[in-house]
Protein backbone atom coordinates (compact mmCIF):
# COMPACT_ATOMS: atom_id res chain seq x y z
CA MET A 1 -64.63 -198.05 50.14
CA GLU A 2 -63.13 -199.96 53.05
CA GLN A 3 -61.58 -196.79 54.44
CA VAL A 4 -64.87 -194.91 54.14
CA MET A 5 -66.71 -197.65 56.05
CA LYS A 6 -63.95 -197.82 58.65
CA HIS A 7 -64.07 -194.06 59.18
CA TYR A 8 -67.82 -193.39 58.84
CA GLY A 9 -69.27 -196.82 59.63
CA ASN A 10 -70.54 -195.98 63.10
CA ALA A 11 -72.11 -192.71 61.95
CA ILE A 12 -73.83 -194.41 59.01
CA LEU A 13 -75.14 -197.13 61.32
CA ALA A 14 -76.47 -194.53 63.76
CA VAL A 15 -78.29 -192.69 60.96
CA ILE A 16 -79.84 -195.93 59.72
CA VAL A 17 -81.02 -196.84 63.23
CA LEU A 18 -82.51 -193.37 63.80
CA LEU A 19 -84.30 -193.48 60.45
CA ALA A 20 -85.70 -196.91 61.28
CA LEU A 21 -86.94 -195.69 64.67
CA GLY A 22 -88.53 -192.68 63.00
CA ALA A 23 -90.27 -194.92 60.50
CA ILE A 24 -91.59 -197.14 63.30
CA ILE A 25 -92.91 -194.13 65.22
CA VAL A 26 -94.59 -192.69 62.11
CA ALA A 27 -96.15 -196.06 61.32
CA ALA A 28 -97.41 -196.43 64.89
CA LEU A 29 -98.92 -192.96 64.89
CA SER A 30 -100.52 -193.22 61.47
CA SER A 31 -102.81 -196.05 62.49
CA ASP A 32 -105.86 -195.41 64.67
CA GLY A 33 -105.36 -198.38 66.96
CA TYR A 34 -104.78 -198.74 70.66
CA VAL A 35 -100.99 -198.39 70.35
CA ALA A 36 -101.28 -195.13 68.43
CA GLU A 37 -103.69 -193.64 70.98
CA GLU A 38 -101.54 -194.60 73.97
CA PHE A 39 -98.40 -193.36 72.24
CA ARG A 40 -100.06 -190.01 71.53
CA LYS A 41 -101.16 -189.76 75.18
CA ALA A 42 -97.63 -190.55 76.35
CA LEU A 43 -96.06 -187.95 74.06
CA THR A 44 -98.53 -185.21 74.90
CA GLY A 45 -98.22 -186.00 78.61
CA PHE A 46 -94.44 -185.88 78.42
CA PHE A 47 -94.34 -182.53 76.62
CA ALA A 48 -97.03 -181.08 78.91
CA SER A 49 -94.96 -182.08 81.94
CA MET A 50 -91.80 -180.62 80.41
CA SER A 51 -93.48 -177.31 79.60
CA ALA A 52 -94.94 -177.13 83.12
CA MET A 53 -91.42 -177.45 84.57
CA ALA A 54 -90.08 -174.47 82.64
């Protein structure tokens, strides 16, 4: 077990952090509050700007 953690520890930690960030984003978007609305505006603005550049 120690060898597995030594070899894959950083990858496992990265996956856990990414899953936690995903859960936070989903929780923020699922509510209908101010944060969710501003986050949606930021995401749609970002992707609109990126598609306009292409």
